[in-house]
Amino acid sequence: MRVSTNYQFEAMRSQMNIAGDSYRIAQQRVSSGKRINTLADDPRGLSDVLTMRGVKASVEQYKANLDRAKTWLNTSESSLSEVGTLLNRANSIAISGASATTSSDARKAMAAEIATIRDQVYSLANGKGPTGGYLFAGTATDKQPFNVTSTGIAYQGNSGSIKVEANSNDAVTINTDGSQLFTSLYATLDQLKANLEGGSTATISDVSIKAVQDGIALLNNIRGDVGTRAKSVESFQNDHSRRLEELTNGISNIEDVDLSQAIMEYKSAETAYQASLQVMSQGFGLSLLNYLK
C-alpha cells in the first residue's frame, strides 16, 4: 500500500509540476505579449527571429545613412538654388548694363549690386552642411574650401567623394564638387563688375552676358546631378521602409501572441494548476490516513 501511495504521490506531483510550468508560461506570455520568451519555447522560431533582427538592424543602418544623405543633398540643392537666383539677377543686370541707353551712374549702381552678388555667391560656396562640414570641400569638410586672393578665389578643398552605403551593394555620393563652378562664377561676376564700372558695353554684351549664362548652364547641370542622386536616395529609402515593415511583421508573426487567445490559455492553465494543487492536497490527506491505518 505504501508503495502504491508513493507512486500516486509522484504521479500527482509530476502532474502538478507540469500544470505549474504551463501556468507560468501562459502567465509570462500574457505579461510580455510574446510567444517566445526563452529558447525552449521555440528553438527554430527564435533562430528565425534572431536572423530577421540582424537583417533589420542592417536595414535600419542603411536607412540612417540615407537620411543623412538626403539632408546633405537637400542642403546642397538649397544653396545651389540660391546661387541660381543670384545668377539670374546678375544676368538681368548684365543685359541692362549692355544697353547704350543706360547711364554711367546706373552702371556704377549695377556694379555695386554685382559686387554684392559675387560676395553672396562666395559665401554660399563656403556653406556648411547639416553636421557642420563644408558642403563643397570634397572630403576636406573641416577646412574652408574657398579663399579670396589677389587674382580671384582659390580652392583649398579636394575632389574626393563622400559616399554612404545605401545597401550591401550600392553607395551614394552625397557631396558636390564645386571647385570649377564657384571659381568660374566668382571670376565672371568680378569681371562683370569691372566692365560695368568701366562702361564697356561691348565687352558686357559680347563677353560678360555669355559668361554669366554659361555659369547658369553649368549650375543647372550640377543641380540636375544633385537631383538625380536625391531621387536615388528616395528610391532606396522607400525600398528600405517596405523591407523594414516586412521584417517587423515577420518577427511579430513568429514571436508575438494573440492576446485574447493567450488570456484564454492563461485562464485555462490557472484552472488546471489550481485543480492539481487541490488534488495534491487531498492526496496528502489520504496518505496520512493510510499510514495511520
Protein backbone atom coordinates (compact mmCIF):
# COMPACT_ATOMS: atom_id res chain seq x y z
CA MET A 1 0.00 0.00 0.00
CA ARG A 2 2.83 2.42 0.83
CA VAL A 3 4.50 1.69 -2.50
CA SER A 4 1.23 2.37 -4.29
CA THR A 5 0.71 5.59 -2.32
CA ASN A 6 4.24 6.78 -3.11
CA TYR A 7 3.63 6.09 -6.75
CA GLN A 8 0.43 8.09 -6.59
CA PHE A 9 2.26 10.97 -4.92
CA GLU A 10 4.93 11.01 -7.60
CA ALA A 11 2.33 10.93 -10.33
CA MET A 12 0.37 13.77 -8.73
CA ARG A 13 3.50 15.79 -8.12
CA SER A 14 4.57 15.32 -11.73
CA GLN A 15 1.16 16.44 -12.95
CA MET A 16 1.28 19.43 -10.59
CA ASN A 17 4.72 20.43 -11.89
CA ILE A 18 3.56 20.17 -15.49
CA ALA A 19 0.48 22.23 -14.69
CA GLY A 20 2.66 24.76 -12.85
CA ASP A 21 5.05 25.09 -15.78
CA SER A 22 2.14 25.57 -18.18
CA TYR A 23 0.67 28.19 -15.87
CA ARG A 24 3.95 30.12 -15.60
CA ILE A 25 4.50 30.00 -19.36
CA ALA A 26 0.95 31.21 -20.01
CA GLN A 27 1.37 33.96 -17.43
CA GLN A 28 4.65 35.06 -18.98
CA ARG A 29 3.14 35.16 -22.48
CA VAL A 30 0.30 37.39 -21.31
CA SER A 31 2.59 39.78 -19.41
CA SER A 32 5.23 40.01 -22.18
CA GLY A 33 2.95 39.76 -25.19
CA LYS A 34 5.48 37.34 -26.66
CA ARG A 35 5.04 33.71 -27.61
CA ILE A 36 8.79 33.12 -27.44
CA ASN A 37 10.47 34.21 -24.21
CA THR A 38 13.14 31.54 -23.92
CA LEU A 39 14.98 29.22 -26.30
CA ALA A 40 12.92 26.29 -25.06
CA ASP A 41 9.68 27.92 -26.18
CA ASP A 42 10.51 27.54 -29.90
CA PRO A 43 14.19 26.98 -30.86
CA ARG A 44 13.55 27.18 -34.62
CA GLY A 45 11.30 30.20 -34.27
CA LEU A 46 13.81 32.01 -32.07
CA SER A 47 16.56 31.31 -34.59
CA ASP A 48 14.43 32.82 -37.36
CA VAL A 49 13.63 35.85 -35.22
CA LEU A 50 17.30 36.47 -34.41
CA THR A 51 18.20 36.23 -38.10
CA MET A 52 15.48 38.69 -39.07
CA ARG A 53 16.51 41.07 -36.29
CA GLY A 54 20.06 41.04 -37.62
CA VAL A 55 18.82 41.86 -41.11
CA LYS A 56 16.54 44.54 -39.68
CA ALA A 57 19.42 46.19 -37.84
CA SER A 58 21.41 46.36 -41.09
CA VAL A 59 18.48 47.85 -42.99
CA GLU A 60 17.94 50.41 -40.23
CA GLN A 61 21.59 51.44 -40.51
CA TYR A 62 21.30 51.81 -44.27
CA LYS A 63 18.18 53.91 -43.76
CA ALA A 64 20.01 56.13 -41.26
CA ASN A 65 22.81 56.56 -43.82
CA LEU A 66 20.27 57.60 -46.43
CA ASP A 67 18.57 60.03 -44.06
CA ARG A 68 21.93 61.72 -43.66
CA ALA A 69 22.49 61.67 -47.43
CA LYS A 70 19.07 63.18 -48.11
CA THR A 71 19.66 66.01 -45.63
CA TRP A 72 23.09 66.74 -47.13
CA LEU A 73 21.79 66.70 -50.70
CA ASN A 74 18.80 68.85 -49.81
CA THR A 75 21.08 71.39 -48.14
CA SER A 76 23.34 71.41 -51.20
CA GLU A 77 20.37 71.90 -53.51
CA SER A 78 19.10 74.74 -51.36
CA SER A 79 22.47 76.51 -51.58
CA LEU A 80 22.72 75.94 -55.33
CA SER A 81 19.17 77.21 -55.77
CA GLU A 82 20.16 80.45 -54.04
CA VAL A 83 23.15 80.71 -56.37
CA GLY A 84 20.77 80.26 -59.31
CA THR A 85 18.59 83.12 -58.11
CA LEU A 86 21.66 85.36 -57.78
CA LEU A 87 22.92 84.44 -61.25
CA ASN A 88 19.56 85.16 -62.85
CA ARG A 89 19.67 88.58 -61.26
CA ALA A 90 23.25 89.06 -62.49
CA ASN A 91 22.15 88.09 -66.00
CA SER A 92 19.37 90.71 -65.92
CA ILE A 93 21.84 93.33 -64.71
CA ALA A 94 24.33 92.42 -67.44
CA ILE A 95 21.68 92.77 -70.14
CA SER A 96 20.63 96.16 -68.78
CA GLY A 97 24.25 97.23 -68.41
CA ALA A 98 24.97 96.41 -72.04
CA SER A 99 22.31 98.81 -73.24
CA ALA A 100 23.64 102.06 -74.68
CA THR A 101 20.77 103.92 -73.04
CA THR A 102 21.94 103.02 -69.52
CA SER A 103 23.64 105.92 -67.80
CA SER A 104 27.09 105.81 -66.26
CA ASP A 105 25.68 106.31 -62.77
CA ALA A 106 23.23 103.47 -63.29
CA ARG A 107 26.06 101.15 -64.37
CA LYS A 108 28.02 102.06 -61.23
CA ALA A 109 24.99 101.17 -59.12
CA MET A 110 24.74 97.91 -61.06
CA ALA A 111 28.41 97.23 -60.44
CA ALA A 112 27.85 97.66 -56.70
CA GLU A 113 24.97 95.17 -56.81
CA ILE A 114 27.09 92.70 -58.78
CA ALA A 115 29.79 93.02 -56.11
CA THR A 116 27.18 92.11 -53.51
CA ILE A 117 26.02 89.15 -55.62
CA ARG A 118 29.62 87.99 -56.07
CA ASP A 119 30.20 88.10 -52.31
CA GLN A 120 26.95 86.21 -51.65
CA VAL A 121 27.98 83.50 -54.12
CA TYR A 122 31.34 83.30 -52.36
CA SER A 123 29.58 82.92 -49.02
CA LEU A 124 27.39 80.11 -50.40
CA ALA A 125 30.49 78.41 -51.82
CA ASN A 126 31.74 78.17 -48.24
CA GLY A 127 28.40 76.98 -46.93
CA LYS A 128 28.18 74.21 -44.34
CA GLY A 129 26.09 71.08 -44.26
CA PRO A 130 23.76 69.75 -41.55
CA THR A 131 26.62 68.30 -39.50
CA GLY A 132 28.82 71.39 -39.74
CA GLY A 133 31.10 70.23 -42.54
CA TYR A 134 31.69 72.34 -45.64
CA LEU A 135 29.39 71.27 -48.48
CA PHE A 136 31.72 71.93 -51.42
CA ALA A 137 35.12 70.98 -49.99
CA GLY A 138 35.36 67.40 -51.22
CA THR A 139 36.35 65.14 -48.35
CA ALA A 140 38.14 68.01 -46.56
CA THR A 141 34.91 69.06 -44.87
CA ASP A 142 36.66 70.58 -41.87
CA LYS A 143 38.52 73.19 -43.96
CA GLN A 144 37.03 76.25 -45.67
CA PRO A 145 37.21 75.39 -49.38
CA PHE A 146 37.44 78.87 -50.94
CA ASN A 147 39.59 81.86 -50.06
CA VAL A 148 39.82 85.25 -51.76
CA THR A 149 43.20 86.02 -53.33
CA SER A 150 44.56 88.89 -55.38
CA THR A 151 43.51 87.09 -58.57
CA GLY A 152 40.08 85.81 -57.54
CA ILE A 153 39.33 82.89 -55.25
CA ALA A 154 41.44 79.82 -54.64
CA TYR A 155 40.07 76.33 -53.96
CA GLN A 156 41.52 74.70 -50.84
CA GLY A 157 39.44 71.53 -50.87
CA ASN A 158 39.86 68.34 -52.90
CA SER A 159 37.97 66.29 -55.47
CA GLY A 160 37.25 63.39 -53.13
CA SER A 161 33.80 61.86 -52.87
CA ILE A 162 31.88 61.30 -49.66
CA LYS A 163 29.84 58.13 -50.03
CA VAL A 164 27.30 56.44 -47.80
CA GLU A 165 26.18 52.83 -48.06
CA ALA A 166 22.68 52.51 -49.44
CA ASN A 167 22.65 48.70 -49.20
CA SER A 168 25.16 45.85 -49.31
CA ASN A 169 25.93 46.53 -52.98
CA ASP A 170 25.35 50.26 -53.56
CA ALA A 171 26.68 53.57 -52.27
CA VAL A 172 25.53 57.14 -52.88
CA THR A 173 27.83 60.13 -53.25
CA ILE A 174 26.45 62.94 -51.12
CA ASN A 175 28.89 65.80 -51.75
CA THR A 176 29.21 68.04 -54.81
CA ASP A 177 32.42 69.23 -56.41
CA GLY A 178 32.05 72.99 -56.56
CA SER A 179 35.64 73.90 -57.41
CA GLN A 180 35.05 74.67 -61.09
CA LEU A 181 31.62 76.20 -60.58
CA PHE A 182 32.46 78.69 -57.86
CA THR A 183 35.89 79.73 -59.06
CA SER A 184 34.50 80.47 -62.54
CA LEU A 185 31.43 82.23 -61.18
CA TYR A 186 33.50 84.45 -58.92
CA ALA A 187 35.75 85.40 -61.84
CA THR A 188 32.76 86.02 -64.11
CA LEU A 189 30.99 88.26 -61.61
CA ASP A 190 34.18 90.11 -60.74
CA GLN A 191 34.81 90.82 -64.41
CA LEU A 192 31.21 91.90 -64.95
CA LYS A 193 31.60 94.34 -62.08
CA ALA A 194 34.74 95.78 -63.65
CA ASN A 195 33.08 96.05 -67.07
CA LEU A 196 30.11 97.87 -65.60
CA GLU A 197 32.37 100.26 -63.74
CA GLY A 198 34.36 100.91 -66.94
CA GLY A 199 31.23 101.36 -69.04
CA SER A 200 32.42 98.79 -71.58
CA THR A 201 29.07 97.94 -73.16
CA ALA A 202 30.62 95.94 -75.99
CA THR A 203 32.55 93.71 -73.57
CA ILE A 204 29.47 93.30 -71.38
CA SER A 205 27.42 92.31 -74.42
CA ASP A 206 29.99 90.06 -76.10
CA VAL A 207 31.71 88.50 -73.07
CA SER A 208 30.01 89.04 -69.69
CA ILE A 209 26.48 88.07 -70.68
CA LYS A 210 27.67 84.84 -72.27
CA ALA A 211 29.90 84.08 -69.28
CA VAL A 212 27.02 84.55 -66.86
CA GLN A 213 24.72 82.38 -68.97
CA ASP A 214 27.41 79.70 -69.26
CA GLY A 215 27.63 79.80 -65.48
CA ILE A 216 23.88 79.33 -65.22
CA ALA A 217 24.08 76.34 -67.59
CA LEU A 218 26.90 74.77 -65.55
CA LEU A 219 24.96 75.36 -62.36
CA ASN A 220 21.85 73.73 -63.81
CA ASN A 221 23.85 70.66 -64.82
CA ILE A 222 25.21 70.34 -61.30
CA ARG A 223 21.77 70.81 -59.80
CA GLY A 224 20.45 68.14 -62.14
CA ASP A 225 23.08 65.73 -60.88
CA VAL A 226 22.20 66.54 -57.26
CA GLY A 227 18.53 65.98 -58.07
CA THR A 228 19.27 62.61 -59.66
CA ARG A 229 21.17 61.48 -56.59
CA ALA A 230 18.39 62.76 -54.32
CA LYS A 231 15.83 60.68 -56.26
CA SER A 232 18.07 57.64 -55.96
CA VAL A 233 18.22 58.18 -52.21
CA GLU A 234 14.43 58.39 -52.03
CA SER A 235 14.11 55.18 -54.00
CA PHE A 236 16.45 53.36 -51.63
CA GLN A 237 14.59 54.81 -48.65
CA ASN A 238 11.26 53.56 -49.96
CA ASP A 239 12.72 50.08 -50.53
CA HIS A 240 14.11 50.01 -47.00
CA SER A 241 10.84 51.22 -45.49
CA ARG A 242 8.99 48.37 -47.20
CA ARG A 243 11.65 45.88 -46.11
CA LEU A 244 11.52 47.09 -42.51
CA GLU A 245 7.75 46.69 -42.48
CA GLU A 246 8.07 43.15 -43.84
CA LEU A 247 10.69 42.23 -41.24
CA THR A 248 8.70 43.78 -38.40
CA ASN A 249 5.61 41.84 -39.43
CA GLY A 250 7.62 38.65 -39.89
CA ILE A 251 9.11 38.91 -36.41
CA SER A 252 5.73 39.71 -34.92
CA ASN A 253 4.09 36.74 -36.64
CA ILE A 254 6.63 34.38 -35.09
CA GLU A 255 7.11 35.71 -31.58
CA ASP A 256 4.02 37.73 -30.70
CA VAL A 257 0.89 36.19 -29.21
CA ASP A 258 -2.75 36.69 -29.94
CA LEU A 259 -3.56 38.41 -26.65
CA SER A 260 -7.16 37.23 -26.42
CA GLN A 261 -6.06 33.64 -27.11
CA ALA A 262 -3.18 33.98 -24.64
CA ILE A 263 -5.56 35.18 -21.90
CA MET A 264 -7.86 32.23 -22.52
CA GLU A 265 -4.91 29.84 -22.31
CA TYR A 266 -3.73 31.60 -19.16
CA LYS A 267 -7.11 31.17 -17.50
CA SER A 268 -7.23 27.54 -18.55
CA ALA A 269 -3.71 26.90 -17.25
CA GLU A 270 -4.53 28.68 -13.99
CA THR A 271 -7.60 26.50 -13.50
CA ALA A 272 -5.63 23.34 -14.26
CA TYR A 273 -2.89 24.37 -11.84
CA GLN A 274 -5.34 25.14 -9.05
CA ALA A 275 -7.02 21.79 -9.64
CA SER A 276 -3.68 19.95 -9.45
CA LEU A 277 -2.92 21.69 -6.14
CA GLN A 278 -6.28 20.60 -4.78
CA VAL A 279 -5.78 17.02 -5.91
CA MET A 280 -2.32 17.03 -4.36
CA SER A 281 -3.60 18.30 -1.04
CA GLN A 282 -6.28 15.63 -0.99
CA GLY A 283 -3.64 13.05 -1.77
CA PHE A 284 -1.57 14.13 1.22
CA GLY A 285 -4.63 13.66 3.47
CA LEU A 286 -5.28 10.19 2.09
CA SER A 287 -1.66 9.20 2.57
CA LEU A 288 -1.63 10.21 6.19
CA LEU A 289 -4.80 8.23 6.91
CA ASN A 290 -3.40 5.18 5.15
CA TYR A 291 -0.22 5.44 7.13
CA LEU A 292 -2.11 5.62 10.46
CA LYS A 293 -4.12 2.54 9.50
